[in-house]
Structure formats: C-alpha cells, structure tokens
C-alpha cells in the first residue's frame, strides 16, 4: 500500500474526482474573502491566481506529495507506521458487534448517538448517493452512522461518521466520515 501525506485533514480524505478539491479550494477563497470583508474583485483575482498556479503546477508533471520512500525524519517514521496499519485493526478499534450486526462504537469521545429518524434520513441520503453517483462505490450500503465531533476547522458544521458494508462481499466493511 502506498501512503501519502498531504496538508488536508486525514478525516476528510476520499477517493473522488480531482475537480472536487479544486471546487472546494475556490469556494474556500470566496468564503474567506467574504468573511474578512474583502471586496469581491480581490476574491475573483485570488481564485484566478489559484487556478492558474494549480494548472501550471499540473503541467510540470511533478508530484509534490511526500511518500515514505522519499520522506525523511519523523514524517518518514509516521508514513512507515501508517502503511503497516490494517483495516481489520482500525475496525476492531472503532466498531462492535451488537446482535447480528456491526455498529460504530460509542466509546470514542468524538462519537455520539443520532436520533433514529435522523439516522434513517442520513442513511437514505448516503444510500441514494451510493446508488446514483457515477463516481461512488456502487456496491456499498450503510450499516451504521454516528454524530462525529471534528476539529476546529469544522466548528459549527454537523459531521457524521458512516460505517459502510459491501453488498457483494459482506465481510468487506469501510469507514467514512
């Protein structure tokens, strides 16, 4: 397994179209400039500069991420340790078996129970996305969901953790936040 280190939060990682990250960054520029009460024209210029710099970086064809083979010091140690982790151990730490199903463990201080109707709505929404989004992992279903506290960058936002299971391979379970 090749492990990458980037500046983004690890809890927001997802295999998705690259355009999503670009849209997210440009949106962040506009929100930041609006929050700081900086005129829209400057926000547009900053967004254009970001897009220009991003596209120029891509045309150079050089990867600017750090991987364990080229990293040094504490980053190399961290990436080496992370690459040895197994999904099975992660799931054992974060899930438990209740009756005949696997659920999210509520021992984690960042996880809280969700009211049943909201959990049902969230599961329906994620299921709909899994079925209808051409970029989504088609063969998964929602097994459980929990409210999840997040870092300071997410203050004021409602965050949820979802436990997904493969429809085709019941033993294949996935963790998503």
Protein backbone atom coordinates (compact mmCIF):
# COMPACT_ATOMS: atom_id res chain seq x y z
CA UNK A 1 0.00 0.00 0.00
CA UNK A 2 1.36 3.45 -0.95
CA UNK A 3 0.63 6.03 1.78
CA UNK A 4 0.66 9.75 1.00
CA UNK A 5 0.97 12.73 3.32
CA UNK A 6 -0.76 15.98 2.37
CA UNK A 7 -1.86 19.19 4.03
CA UNK A 8 -5.54 18.20 4.05
CA UNK A 9 -7.19 16.70 7.13
CA UNK A 10 -6.90 12.93 7.12
CA UNK A 11 -10.51 12.57 8.28
CA UNK A 12 -11.74 14.26 5.10
CA UNK A 13 -9.92 12.00 2.65
CA UNK A 14 -11.99 10.43 -0.11
CA UNK A 15 -11.31 8.85 -3.46
CA UNK A 16 -13.16 11.33 -5.66
CA UNK A 17 -12.77 13.29 -8.87
CA UNK A 18 -9.88 15.77 -8.62
CA UNK A 19 -12.24 18.60 -9.59
CA UNK A 20 -13.93 18.32 -6.17
CA UNK A 21 -10.74 19.54 -4.43
CA UNK A 22 -10.43 22.44 -6.88
CA UNK A 23 -14.05 23.48 -6.31
CA UNK A 24 -13.58 23.15 -2.54
CA UNK A 25 -10.49 25.39 -2.60
CA UNK A 26 -12.08 28.07 -4.80
CA UNK A 27 -15.17 28.03 -2.57
CA UNK A 28 -12.93 28.47 0.47
CA UNK A 29 -11.31 31.51 -1.15
CA UNK A 30 -14.69 33.18 -1.72
CA UNK A 31 -15.94 32.35 1.79
CA UNK A 32 -12.72 33.61 3.41
CA UNK A 33 -12.74 36.88 1.46
CA UNK A 34 -16.43 37.42 2.27
CA UNK A 35 -15.85 36.66 5.97
CA UNK A 36 -12.90 39.05 6.07
CA UNK A 37 -15.00 41.66 4.23
CA UNK A 38 -12.52 41.90 1.34
CA UNK A 39 -14.08 43.08 -1.91
CA UNK A 40 -15.34 40.50 -4.41
CA UNK A 41 -12.96 41.65 -7.15
CA UNK A 42 -9.98 40.64 -5.00
CA UNK A 43 -11.60 37.26 -4.28
CA UNK A 44 -12.06 36.72 -8.04
CA UNK A 45 -8.40 37.65 -8.64
CA UNK A 46 -7.25 35.26 -5.91
CA UNK A 47 -9.40 32.44 -7.33
CA UNK A 48 -7.94 33.09 -10.81
CA UNK A 49 -4.42 33.10 -9.38
CA UNK A 50 -5.06 29.81 -7.60
CA UNK A 51 -6.45 28.18 -10.76
CA UNK A 52 -3.54 29.50 -12.86
CA UNK A 53 -0.94 28.28 -10.35
CA UNK A 54 -2.71 24.93 -9.95
CA UNK A 55 -2.84 24.31 -13.71
CA UNK A 56 0.81 25.41 -14.17
CA UNK A 57 1.86 23.01 -11.42
CA UNK A 58 -0.02 20.16 -13.12
CA UNK A 59 1.60 20.87 -16.49
CA UNK A 60 5.05 20.46 -14.92
CA UNK A 61 4.10 16.85 -14.24
CA UNK A 62 5.97 16.68 -10.93
CA UNK A 63 4.31 15.20 -7.87
CA UNK A 64 4.57 17.45 -4.83
CA UNK A 65 3.47 14.96 -2.23
CA UNK A 66 5.65 13.17 0.25
CA UNK A 67 5.79 9.40 0.28
CA UNK A 68 7.58 7.10 2.69
CA UNK A 69 10.31 6.21 0.17
CA UNK A 70 11.40 9.84 -0.20
CA UNK A 71 10.41 11.29 3.20
CA UNK A 72 12.88 11.93 5.99
CA UNK A 73 12.81 12.02 9.78
CA UNK A 74 9.55 11.98 11.71
CA UNK A 75 7.41 12.14 8.53
CA UNK A 76 9.12 9.00 7.19
CA UNK A 77 8.55 7.23 10.52
CA UNK A 78 4.90 8.31 10.56
CA UNK A 79 4.22 7.21 6.97
CA UNK A 80 6.02 3.90 7.55
CA UNK A 81 3.91 3.17 10.64
CA UNK A 82 0.65 4.16 8.92
CA UNK A 83 1.39 1.97 5.89
CA UNK A 84 1.57 -1.07 8.20
CA UNK A 85 -1.89 -0.50 9.66
CA UNK A 86 -4.56 -2.98 8.70
CA UNK A 87 -8.21 -2.18 8.07
CA UNK A 88 -9.14 -5.05 10.38
CA UNK A 89 -7.38 -3.40 13.35
CA UNK A 90 -8.93 0.00 12.61
CA UNK A 91 -12.40 -1.55 12.51
CA UNK A 92 -11.77 -3.50 15.72
CA UNK A 93 -10.93 -0.22 17.49
CA UNK A 94 -13.97 1.65 16.14
CA UNK A 95 -16.75 -0.91 15.80
CA UNK A 96 -18.50 -3.53 17.87
CA UNK A 97 -20.82 -6.40 17.14
CA UNK A 98 -24.34 -5.98 18.52
CA UNK A 99 -26.64 -8.94 17.98
CA UNK A 100 -26.10 -9.88 14.33
CA UNK A 101 -24.73 -6.58 13.05
CA UNK A 102 -21.65 -4.39 13.27
CA UNK A 103 -22.10 -0.87 14.68
CA UNK A 104 -19.96 2.17 15.38
CA UNK A 105 -18.50 2.01 18.88
CA UNK A 106 -19.75 4.87 21.04
CA UNK A 107 -16.75 4.64 23.43
CA UNK A 108 -14.90 7.12 21.22
CA UNK A 109 -15.34 10.59 22.82
CA UNK A 110 -15.85 12.06 19.33
CA UNK A 111 -18.89 9.88 18.55
CA UNK A 112 -22.45 10.43 19.72
CA UNK A 113 -25.70 8.61 19.06
CA UNK A 114 -28.03 10.07 16.44
CA UNK A 115 -31.79 10.22 16.88
CA UNK A 116 -33.38 7.30 14.95
CA UNK A 117 -35.30 9.41 12.41
CA UNK A 118 -32.23 11.50 11.56
CA UNK A 119 -30.10 8.35 11.28
CA UNK A 120 -32.67 6.89 8.88
CA UNK A 121 -32.66 10.12 6.79
CA UNK A 122 -28.86 10.21 6.67
CA UNK A 123 -28.67 6.54 5.70
CA UNK A 124 -31.24 7.14 2.95
CA UNK A 125 -29.28 10.15 1.67
CA UNK A 126 -25.95 8.26 1.60
CA UNK A 127 -27.61 5.20 0.04
CA UNK A 128 -29.13 7.40 -2.67
CA UNK A 129 -25.71 8.92 -3.33
CA UNK A 130 -24.07 5.48 -3.46
CA UNK A 131 -26.63 4.28 -5.99
CA UNK A 132 -26.89 7.38 -8.19
CA UNK A 133 -23.43 8.94 -8.18
CA UNK A 134 -21.39 7.52 -11.04
CA UNK A 135 -18.18 8.15 -9.09
CA UNK A 136 -19.41 6.46 -5.92
CA UNK A 137 -18.62 3.00 -4.60
CA UNK A 138 -21.73 1.31 -6.04
CA UNK A 139 -21.70 -1.90 -4.06
CA UNK A 140 -21.90 -0.48 -0.51
CA UNK A 141 -24.73 0.01 1.96
CA UNK A 142 -24.92 1.98 5.21
CA UNK A 143 -24.53 -0.25 8.27
CA UNK A 144 -24.47 2.48 10.92
CA UNK A 145 -23.98 6.21 11.46
CA UNK A 146 -22.96 8.45 14.36
CA UNK A 147 -22.60 12.16 15.03
CA UNK A 148 -18.90 12.98 15.00
CA UNK A 149 -17.10 15.85 16.68
CA UNK A 150 -14.43 17.32 14.44
CA UNK A 151 -11.51 19.71 14.72
CA UNK A 152 -11.64 23.48 14.94
CA UNK A 153 -11.74 23.80 11.14
CA UNK A 154 -15.22 22.29 11.24
CA UNK A 155 -16.73 24.36 14.06
CA UNK A 156 -20.44 24.91 13.52
CA UNK A 157 -20.73 22.13 10.95
CA UNK A 158 -22.58 18.92 11.65
CA UNK A 159 -20.31 15.98 10.96
CA UNK A 160 -21.20 12.31 10.77
CA UNK A 161 -19.29 9.04 10.60
CA UNK A 162 -20.69 6.24 8.45
CA UNK A 163 -19.93 2.56 8.55
CA UNK A 164 -20.40 1.02 5.11
CA UNK A 165 -20.56 -2.65 4.19
CA UNK A 166 -20.13 -4.25 0.79
CA UNK A 167 -23.33 -5.63 -0.71
CA UNK A 168 -21.30 -8.08 -2.82
CA UNK A 169 -18.80 -9.10 -0.14
CA UNK A 170 -20.40 -8.87 3.35
CA UNK A 171 -17.03 -9.15 5.11
CA UNK A 172 -15.77 -6.01 3.32
CA UNK A 173 -16.52 -3.04 5.60
CA UNK A 174 -15.47 0.57 5.07
CA UNK A 175 -15.14 3.54 7.45
CA UNK A 176 -16.09 7.01 6.21
CA UNK A 177 -16.51 10.43 7.84
